[in-house]
Amino acid sequence: MSPAFDPHYEVALDLPAVHRGVRVARNVIRHFARLWGMKDVDVDSVVLVVSELLANTIDHGGGGAAMEESELEDDVRMRLTFTIRSEVWSVSVVDRGGGDPEDVRKFLEDTGLPDLEDERGRGFFMMREMVDRMAVCRSADGLGLEITAEKAFSV
């Protein structure tokens, strides 16, 4: 007996680690999500997660909070992968900013409300409330981190 076929769609973007790239990524992901037949509520969720993960990467994962490419000292890149499978969608962002997965993991696993005075953690809190699973690990090239969010489609 052969394993069940799980059709999936995937789009991957290699972007400069600047805030201008977030707008481009949102538009591309929104287009493909609608093209592939996602419900509006799921499209809105995935676009928000894409925005938050990329903005976090730019601000804390090597982009230096740059708005435009001319503000980058080096060609700092980030990679976004958006995948749709039969029952779930996932978003993965890889940066090149070094970092320790344990420093981020505490934001992904914390179940309390974020400290409103703290500059970090509110975006992760919001994403944790929206998705079914979040994970962080060292990127495959060892130069940064990979953060993944996954959610089952709404019924």
N, C-alpha and C. Protein backbone atom coordinates (compact mmCIF):
# COMPACT_ATOMS: atom_id res chain seq x y z
N MET A 1 0.85 -1.17 0.00
CA MET A 1 0.00 0.00 0.00
C MET A 1 0.90 1.24 0.00
N SER A 2 0.64 2.19 -0.87
CA SER A 2 1.46 3.40 -0.95
C SER A 2 0.96 4.43 0.05
N PRO A 3 1.86 5.29 0.52
CA PRO A 3 1.44 6.33 1.47
C PRO A 3 0.47 7.29 0.81
N ALA A 4 -0.39 7.90 1.61
CA ALA A 4 -1.36 8.87 1.09
C ALA A 4 -0.62 10.06 0.50
N PHE A 5 -1.11 10.53 -0.61
CA PHE A 5 -0.52 11.69 -1.27
C PHE A 5 -1.03 12.95 -0.59
N ASP A 6 -0.15 13.78 -0.11
CA ASP A 6 -0.51 15.04 0.54
C ASP A 6 -0.06 16.17 -0.37
N PRO A 7 -0.95 16.64 -1.26
CA PRO A 7 -0.53 17.71 -2.17
C PRO A 7 -0.20 18.96 -1.36
N HIS A 8 0.80 19.68 -1.81
CA HIS A 8 1.10 20.93 -1.14
C HIS A 8 1.60 21.95 -2.14
N TYR A 9 1.48 23.19 -1.71
CA TYR A 9 1.94 24.32 -2.49
C TYR A 9 2.96 25.06 -1.64
N GLU A 10 3.95 25.63 -2.31
CA GLU A 10 4.98 26.33 -1.55
C GLU A 10 5.51 27.49 -2.36
N VAL A 11 5.75 28.58 -1.69
CA VAL A 11 6.44 29.72 -2.30
C VAL A 11 7.55 30.13 -1.33
N ALA A 12 8.74 30.40 -1.88
CA ALA A 12 9.87 30.82 -1.06
C ALA A 12 10.40 32.13 -1.62
N LEU A 13 10.70 33.04 -0.73
CA LEU A 13 11.21 34.35 -1.11
C LEU A 13 12.54 34.60 -0.40
N ASP A 14 13.51 35.07 -1.14
CA ASP A 14 14.78 35.52 -0.58
C ASP A 14 14.74 37.04 -0.67
N LEU A 15 14.77 37.71 0.49
CA LEU A 15 14.55 39.15 0.55
C LEU A 15 15.67 39.85 1.29
N PRO A 16 15.92 41.12 0.95
CA PRO A 16 16.83 41.89 1.80
C PRO A 16 16.17 42.10 3.16
N ALA A 17 16.94 42.12 4.22
CA ALA A 17 16.40 42.25 5.57
C ALA A 17 16.10 43.72 5.88
N VAL A 18 15.08 44.24 5.17
CA VAL A 18 14.64 45.63 5.35
C VAL A 18 13.10 45.65 5.41
N HIS A 19 12.58 46.67 6.11
CA HIS A 19 11.13 46.75 6.28
C HIS A 19 10.37 46.91 4.97
N ARG A 20 10.99 47.51 3.99
CA ARG A 20 10.34 47.63 2.68
C ARG A 20 10.00 46.24 2.11
N GLY A 21 10.84 45.25 2.40
CA GLY A 21 10.61 43.89 1.93
C GLY A 21 9.40 43.23 2.55
N VAL A 22 9.00 43.69 3.73
CA VAL A 22 7.82 43.11 4.39
C VAL A 22 6.57 43.36 3.54
N ARG A 23 6.44 44.57 3.04
CA ARG A 23 5.28 44.92 2.20
C ARG A 23 5.25 44.05 0.94
N VAL A 24 6.38 43.86 0.32
CA VAL A 24 6.47 43.01 -0.87
C VAL A 24 6.05 41.58 -0.52
N ALA A 25 6.59 41.06 0.57
CA ALA A 25 6.27 39.69 0.98
C ALA A 25 4.79 39.53 1.29
N ARG A 26 4.20 40.48 2.01
CA ARG A 26 2.76 40.40 2.31
C ARG A 26 1.94 40.32 1.04
N ASN A 27 2.26 41.14 0.07
CA ASN A 27 1.50 41.14 -1.19
C ASN A 27 1.64 39.83 -1.94
N VAL A 28 2.85 39.30 -2.00
CA VAL A 28 3.08 38.03 -2.70
C VAL A 28 2.34 36.89 -1.99
N ILE A 29 2.46 36.82 -0.67
CA ILE A 29 1.82 35.74 0.08
C ILE A 29 0.30 35.85 -0.01
N ARG A 30 -0.22 37.05 0.11
CA ARG A 30 -1.68 37.25 -0.03
C ARG A 30 -2.15 36.76 -1.41
N HIS A 31 -1.41 37.10 -2.45
CA HIS A 31 -1.78 36.68 -3.81
C HIS A 31 -1.82 35.16 -3.92
N PHE A 32 -0.76 34.49 -3.49
CA PHE A 32 -0.71 33.04 -3.62
C PHE A 32 -1.74 32.35 -2.72
N ALA A 33 -1.94 32.85 -1.52
CA ALA A 33 -2.93 32.25 -0.62
C ALA A 33 -4.32 32.29 -1.24
N ARG A 34 -4.66 33.40 -1.84
CA ARG A 34 -5.98 33.52 -2.50
C ARG A 34 -6.03 32.65 -3.76
N LEU A 35 -4.95 32.65 -4.52
CA LEU A 35 -4.88 31.83 -5.73
C LEU A 35 -5.09 30.36 -5.40
N TRP A 36 -4.55 29.91 -4.27
CA TRP A 36 -4.65 28.51 -3.86
C TRP A 36 -5.95 28.21 -3.13
N GLY A 37 -6.84 29.23 -2.99
CA GLY A 37 -8.17 28.99 -2.44
C GLY A 37 -8.32 29.09 -0.94
N MET A 38 -7.39 29.73 -0.26
CA MET A 38 -7.54 29.89 1.19
C MET A 38 -8.70 30.83 1.50
N LYS A 39 -9.41 30.55 2.60
CA LYS A 39 -10.48 31.43 3.07
C LYS A 39 -9.86 32.74 3.54
N ASP A 40 -10.67 33.82 3.46
CA ASP A 40 -10.18 35.14 3.85
C ASP A 40 -9.64 35.17 5.28
N VAL A 41 -10.30 34.48 6.21
CA VAL A 41 -9.84 34.49 7.60
C VAL A 41 -8.45 33.86 7.71
N ASP A 42 -8.18 32.83 6.93
CA ASP A 42 -6.86 32.20 6.93
C ASP A 42 -5.83 33.08 6.23
N VAL A 43 -6.24 33.73 5.15
CA VAL A 43 -5.34 34.66 4.45
C VAL A 43 -4.91 35.77 5.39
N ASP A 44 -5.87 36.35 6.11
CA ASP A 44 -5.54 37.43 7.04
C ASP A 44 -4.56 36.95 8.12
N SER A 45 -4.78 35.74 8.63
CA SER A 45 -3.89 35.20 9.66
C SER A 45 -2.47 35.00 9.12
N VAL A 46 -2.35 34.38 7.95
CA VAL A 46 -1.01 34.11 7.42
C VAL A 46 -0.29 35.41 7.09
N VAL A 47 -0.99 36.40 6.58
CA VAL A 47 -0.35 37.68 6.24
C VAL A 47 0.14 38.37 7.51
N LEU A 48 -0.63 38.32 8.58
CA LEU A 48 -0.19 38.92 9.84
C LEU A 48 1.04 38.20 10.40
N VAL A 49 1.04 36.89 10.34
CA VAL A 49 2.19 36.12 10.83
C VAL A 49 3.42 36.44 9.99
N VAL A 50 3.27 36.50 8.68
CA VAL A 50 4.39 36.87 7.80
C VAL A 50 4.94 38.23 8.20
N SER A 51 4.05 39.20 8.39
CA SER A 51 4.48 40.56 8.77
C SER A 51 5.25 40.56 10.07
N GLU A 52 4.73 39.89 11.07
CA GLU A 52 5.38 39.87 12.39
C GLU A 52 6.73 39.16 12.36
N LEU A 53 6.77 38.00 11.72
CA LEU A 53 8.04 37.25 11.68
C LEU A 53 9.12 38.01 10.91
N LEU A 54 8.75 38.60 9.78
CA LEU A 54 9.74 39.34 9.00
C LEU A 54 10.20 40.59 9.73
N ALA A 55 9.25 41.34 10.33
CA ALA A 55 9.62 42.55 11.06
C ALA A 55 10.56 42.21 12.22
N ASN A 56 10.28 41.11 12.90
CA ASN A 56 11.14 40.68 14.00
C ASN A 56 12.54 40.34 13.48
N THR A 57 12.59 39.68 12.35
CA THR A 57 13.88 39.33 11.74
C THR A 57 14.67 40.58 11.39
N ILE A 58 14.01 41.56 10.84
CA ILE A 58 14.69 42.80 10.46
C ILE A 58 15.21 43.54 11.69
N ASP A 59 14.39 43.61 12.73
CA ASP A 59 14.76 44.36 13.92
C ASP A 59 15.74 43.63 14.82
N HIS A 60 15.65 42.30 14.89
CA HIS A 60 16.46 41.55 15.86
C HIS A 60 17.32 40.45 15.23
N GLY A 61 17.19 40.21 13.93
CA GLY A 61 17.90 39.10 13.31
C GLY A 61 18.91 39.49 12.27
N GLY A 62 19.52 40.64 12.43
CA GLY A 62 20.62 41.01 11.54
C GLY A 62 20.34 42.17 10.62
N GLY A 63 19.08 42.63 10.53
CA GLY A 63 18.75 43.72 9.62
C GLY A 63 18.96 45.11 10.20
N GLY A 64 19.19 45.17 11.51
CA GLY A 64 19.45 46.47 12.13
C GLY A 64 18.29 47.44 12.03
N ALA A 65 17.06 46.93 11.89
CA ALA A 65 15.84 47.75 11.78
C ALA A 65 15.84 48.65 10.54
N ALA A 66 16.57 48.26 9.51
CA ALA A 66 16.68 49.08 8.30
C ALA A 66 15.35 49.17 7.56
N MET A 67 15.05 50.34 7.07
CA MET A 67 13.84 50.55 6.27
C MET A 67 14.10 50.23 4.79
N GLU A 68 15.24 50.66 4.29
CA GLU A 68 15.61 50.51 2.88
C GLU A 68 16.96 49.80 2.77
N GLU A 69 17.21 49.21 1.61
CA GLU A 69 18.48 48.50 1.39
C GLU A 69 19.70 49.40 1.55
N SER A 70 19.57 50.68 1.22
CA SER A 70 20.71 51.59 1.34
C SER A 70 21.16 51.76 2.78
N GLU A 71 20.32 51.39 3.75
CA GLU A 71 20.68 51.50 5.16
C GLU A 71 21.46 50.29 5.67
N LEU A 72 21.52 49.23 4.90
CA LEU A 72 22.24 48.03 5.32
C LEU A 72 23.74 48.20 5.07
N GLU A 73 24.54 47.78 6.04
CA GLU A 73 25.99 47.83 5.87
C GLU A 73 26.47 46.71 4.96
N ASP A 74 25.81 45.56 5.00
CA ASP A 74 26.13 44.41 4.16
C ASP A 74 24.86 43.94 3.47
N ASP A 75 24.99 42.97 2.60
CA ASP A 75 23.83 42.38 1.93
C ASP A 75 23.19 41.35 2.88
N VAL A 76 22.45 41.85 3.86
CA VAL A 76 21.80 41.00 4.85
C VAL A 76 20.49 40.49 4.25
N ARG A 77 20.30 39.16 4.27
CA ARG A 77 19.14 38.55 3.63
C ARG A 77 18.29 37.82 4.66
N MET A 78 17.05 37.59 4.29
CA MET A 78 16.15 36.74 5.06
C MET A 78 15.37 35.89 4.06
N ARG A 79 14.98 34.70 4.49
CA ARG A 79 14.26 33.78 3.61
C ARG A 79 12.92 33.44 4.25
N LEU A 80 11.88 33.59 3.44
CA LEU A 80 10.51 33.29 3.86
C LEU A 80 10.01 32.11 3.04
N THR A 81 9.46 31.11 3.70
CA THR A 81 8.82 29.99 3.01
C THR A 81 7.41 29.86 3.53
N PHE A 82 6.45 29.86 2.61
CA PHE A 82 5.03 29.71 2.92
C PHE A 82 4.56 28.42 2.26
N THR A 83 4.01 27.52 3.06
CA THR A 83 3.60 26.21 2.57
C THR A 83 2.15 25.94 2.93
N ILE A 84 1.42 25.38 1.99
CA ILE A 84 0.05 24.93 2.22
C ILE A 84 0.01 23.44 1.97
N ARG A 85 -0.49 22.71 2.97
CA ARG A 85 -0.73 21.28 2.83
C ARG A 85 -2.22 21.07 2.97
N SER A 86 -2.67 19.84 2.91
CA SER A 86 -4.11 19.55 2.88
C SER A 86 -4.87 20.11 4.07
N GLU A 87 -4.27 20.15 5.25
CA GLU A 87 -5.01 20.60 6.42
C GLU A 87 -4.37 21.78 7.15
N VAL A 88 -3.15 22.16 6.79
CA VAL A 88 -2.45 23.22 7.51
C VAL A 88 -1.68 24.14 6.57
N TRP A 89 -1.41 25.33 7.05
CA TRP A 89 -0.45 26.21 6.39
C TRP A 89 0.69 26.45 7.37
N SER A 90 1.86 26.76 6.83
CA SER A 90 2.99 27.09 7.69
C SER A 90 3.81 28.21 7.05
N VAL A 91 4.45 28.96 7.92
CA VAL A 91 5.34 30.04 7.51
C VAL A 91 6.64 29.83 8.25
N SER A 92 7.75 29.92 7.52
CA SER A 92 9.07 29.77 8.11
C SER A 92 9.93 30.95 7.66
N VAL A 93 10.63 31.56 8.61
CA VAL A 93 11.53 32.67 8.30
C VAL A 93 12.92 32.33 8.83
N VAL A 94 13.92 32.50 7.97
CA VAL A 94 15.31 32.25 8.34
C VAL A 94 16.07 33.57 8.25
N ASP A 95 16.83 33.87 9.31
CA ASP A 95 17.65 35.08 9.29
C ASP A 95 19.13 34.70 9.32
N ARG A 96 19.97 35.71 9.29
CA ARG A 96 21.43 35.49 9.36
C ARG A 96 22.03 36.35 10.46
N GLY A 97 21.27 36.51 11.53
CA GLY A 97 21.70 37.42 12.58
C GLY A 97 22.27 36.76 13.81
N GLY A 98 22.73 35.53 13.66
CA GLY A 98 23.26 34.84 14.84
C GLY A 98 22.13 34.53 15.79
N GLY A 99 22.31 34.84 17.03
CA GLY A 99 21.26 34.63 18.02
C GLY A 99 21.26 33.23 18.61
N ASP A 100 20.60 33.12 19.73
CA ASP A 100 20.48 31.87 20.46
C ASP A 100 19.02 31.44 20.44
N PRO A 101 18.72 30.25 19.93
CA PRO A 101 17.32 29.79 19.91
C PRO A 101 16.65 29.86 21.28
N GLU A 102 17.41 29.63 22.34
CA GLU A 102 16.82 29.66 23.69
C GLU A 102 16.31 31.05 24.05
N ASP A 103 16.95 32.09 23.57
CA ASP A 103 16.50 33.45 23.85
C ASP A 103 15.13 33.72 23.22
N VAL A 104 14.88 33.14 22.07
CA VAL A 104 13.60 33.33 21.38
C VAL A 104 12.56 32.34 21.90
N ARG A 105 13.00 31.14 22.22
CA ARG A 105 12.08 30.08 22.66
C ARG A 105 11.24 30.54 23.85
N LYS A 106 11.80 31.32 24.75
CA LYS A 106 11.04 31.76 25.92
C LYS A 106 9.84 32.62 25.49
N PHE A 107 9.96 33.36 24.40
CA PHE A 107 8.83 34.14 23.89
C PHE A 107 7.79 33.25 23.23
N LEU A 108 8.24 32.16 22.63
CA LEU A 108 7.32 31.26 21.94
C LEU A 108 6.55 30.38 22.92
N GLU A 109 7.16 30.07 24.05
CA GLU A 109 6.54 29.14 25.00
C GLU A 109 5.83 29.84 26.15
N ASP A 110 6.10 31.09 26.38
CA ASP A 110 5.50 31.82 27.50
C ASP A 110 3.98 31.88 27.30
N THR A 111 3.23 31.57 28.33
CA THR A 111 1.77 31.59 28.22
C THR A 111 1.16 32.81 28.89
N GLY A 112 1.98 33.64 29.51
CA GLY A 112 1.47 34.83 30.18
C GLY A 112 1.36 36.01 29.23
N LEU A 113 0.79 37.07 29.74
CA LEU A 113 0.68 38.31 28.97
C LEU A 113 2.06 38.96 28.88
N PRO A 114 2.36 39.62 27.78
CA PRO A 114 3.66 40.27 27.66
C PRO A 114 3.72 41.52 28.54
N ASP A 115 4.92 41.89 28.93
CA ASP A 115 5.14 43.12 29.66
C ASP A 115 5.03 44.27 28.68
N LEU A 116 4.05 45.12 28.86
CA LEU A 116 3.82 46.22 27.92
C LEU A 116 4.94 47.25 27.93
N GLU A 117 5.76 47.25 28.97
CA GLU A 117 6.90 48.16 29.04
C GLU A 117 8.12 47.60 28.33
N ASP A 118 8.12 46.30 28.07
CA ASP A 118 9.25 45.65 27.41
C ASP A 118 9.12 45.84 25.90
N GLU A 119 10.25 46.07 25.25
CA GLU A 119 10.25 46.29 23.80
C GLU A 119 10.07 45.00 23.02
N ARG A 120 10.15 43.85 23.68
CA ARG A 120 10.11 42.58 22.97
C ARG A 120 8.98 41.70 23.50
N GLY A 121 8.48 40.84 22.61
CA GLY A 121 7.57 39.79 23.04
C GLY A 121 6.11 39.98 22.66
N ARG A 122 5.69 41.19 22.35
CA ARG A 122 4.27 41.41 22.04
C ARG A 122 3.86 40.75 20.72
N GLY A 123 4.72 40.81 19.72
CA GLY A 123 4.42 40.18 18.44
C GLY A 123 4.33 38.67 18.58
N PHE A 124 5.25 38.09 19.34
CA PHE A 124 5.19 36.64 19.57
C PHE A 124 3.94 36.26 20.35
N PHE A 125 3.54 37.08 21.32
CA PHE A 125 2.31 36.83 22.07
C PHE A 125 1.12 36.78 21.11
N MET A 126 1.03 37.75 20.24
CA MET A 126 -0.07 37.82 19.29
C MET A 126 -0.06 36.60 18.35
N MET A 127 1.12 36.24 17.86
CA MET A 127 1.19 35.07 16.98
C MET A 127 0.85 33.79 17.71
N ARG A 128 1.32 33.64 18.95
CA ARG A 128 1.00 32.43 19.73
C ARG A 128 -0.50 32.25 19.86
N GLU A 129 -1.23 33.35 19.98
CA GLU A 129 -2.68 33.29 20.12
C GLU A 129 -3.36 32.91 18.80
N MET A 130 -2.69 33.14 17.68
CA MET A 130 -3.29 32.92 16.36
C MET A 130 -2.98 31.56 15.75
N VAL A 131 -1.84 30.98 16.11
CA VAL A 131 -1.40 29.76 15.44
C VAL A 131 -1.46 28.57 16.39
N ASP A 132 -1.32 27.38 15.83
CA ASP A 132 -1.36 26.16 16.62
C ASP A 132 0.00 25.77 17.18
N ARG A 133 1.06 26.14 16.45
CA ARG A 133 2.40 25.71 16.87
C ARG A 133 3.42 26.71 16.38
N MET A 134 4.41 27.00 17.23
CA MET A 134 5.56 27.82 16.84
C MET A 134 6.81 27.12 17.33
N ALA A 135 7.88 27.24 16.54
CA ALA A 135 9.14 26.60 16.91
C ALA A 135 10.29 27.48 16.43
N VAL A 136 11.42 27.33 17.10
CA VAL A 136 12.64 28.04 16.70
C VAL A 136 13.80 27.06 16.77
N CYS A 137 14.72 27.19 15.83
CA CYS A 137 15.94 26.38 15.84
C CYS A 137 17.03 27.17 15.13
N ARG A 138 18.24 26.67 15.21
CA ARG A 138 19.35 27.27 14.48
C ARG A 138 19.11 27.03 12.99
N SER A 139 19.41 28.01 12.16
CA SER A 139 19.24 27.84 10.71
C SER A 139 20.18 26.76 10.19
N ALA A 140 19.83 26.18 9.06
CA ALA A 140 20.63 25.09 8.48
C ALA A 140 22.07 25.52 8.21
N ASP A 141 22.28 26.78 7.83
CA ASP A 141 23.64 27.24 7.55
C ASP A 141 24.39 27.67 8.82
N GLY A 142 23.69 27.66 9.96
CA GLY A 142 24.32 28.00 11.24
C GLY A 142 24.55 29.49 11.45
N LEU A 143 24.10 30.34 10.52
CA LEU A 143 24.36 31.77 10.62
C LEU A 143 23.27 32.55 11.35
N GLY A 144 22.17 31.89 11.63
CA GLY A 144 21.06 32.60 12.26
C GLY A 144 20.05 31.64 12.83
N LEU A 145 18.80 32.09 12.85
CA LEU A 145 17.70 31.30 13.40
C LEU A 145 16.63 31.06 12.35
N GLU A 146 15.86 30.00 12.57
CA GLU A 146 14.68 29.72 11.76
C GLU A 146 13.49 29.63 12.71
N ILE A 147 12.47 30.44 12.43
CA ILE A 147 11.26 30.42 13.23
C ILE A 147 10.12 29.98 12.33
N THR A 148 9.34 29.02 12.82
CA THR A 148 8.24 28.45 12.05
C THR A 148 6.94 28.59 12.83
N ALA A 149 5.88 28.95 12.12
CA ALA A 149 4.52 29.00 12.68
C ALA A 149 3.64 28.14 11.81
N GLU A 150 2.70 27.43 12.45
CA GLU A 150 1.84 26.49 11.72
C GLU A 150 0.42 26.58 12.27
N LYS A 151 -0.55 26.49 11.37
CA LYS A 151 -1.96 26.56 11.80
C LYS A 151 -2.83 25.71 10.90
N ALA A 152 -3.78 25.01 11.51
CA ALA A 152 -4.78 24.27 10.75
C ALA A 152 -5.74 25.26 10.12
N PHE A 153 -6.26 24.90 8.96
CA PHE A 153 -7.22 25.77 8.30
C PHE A 153 -8.49 25.89 9.13
N SER A 154 -9.12 27.06 9.07
CA SER A 154 -10.39 27.26 9.76
C SER A 154 -11.47 26.44 9.06
N VAL A 155 -12.46 26.04 9.84
CA VAL A 155 -13.56 25.23 9.28
C VAL A 155 -14.76 26.07 9.00
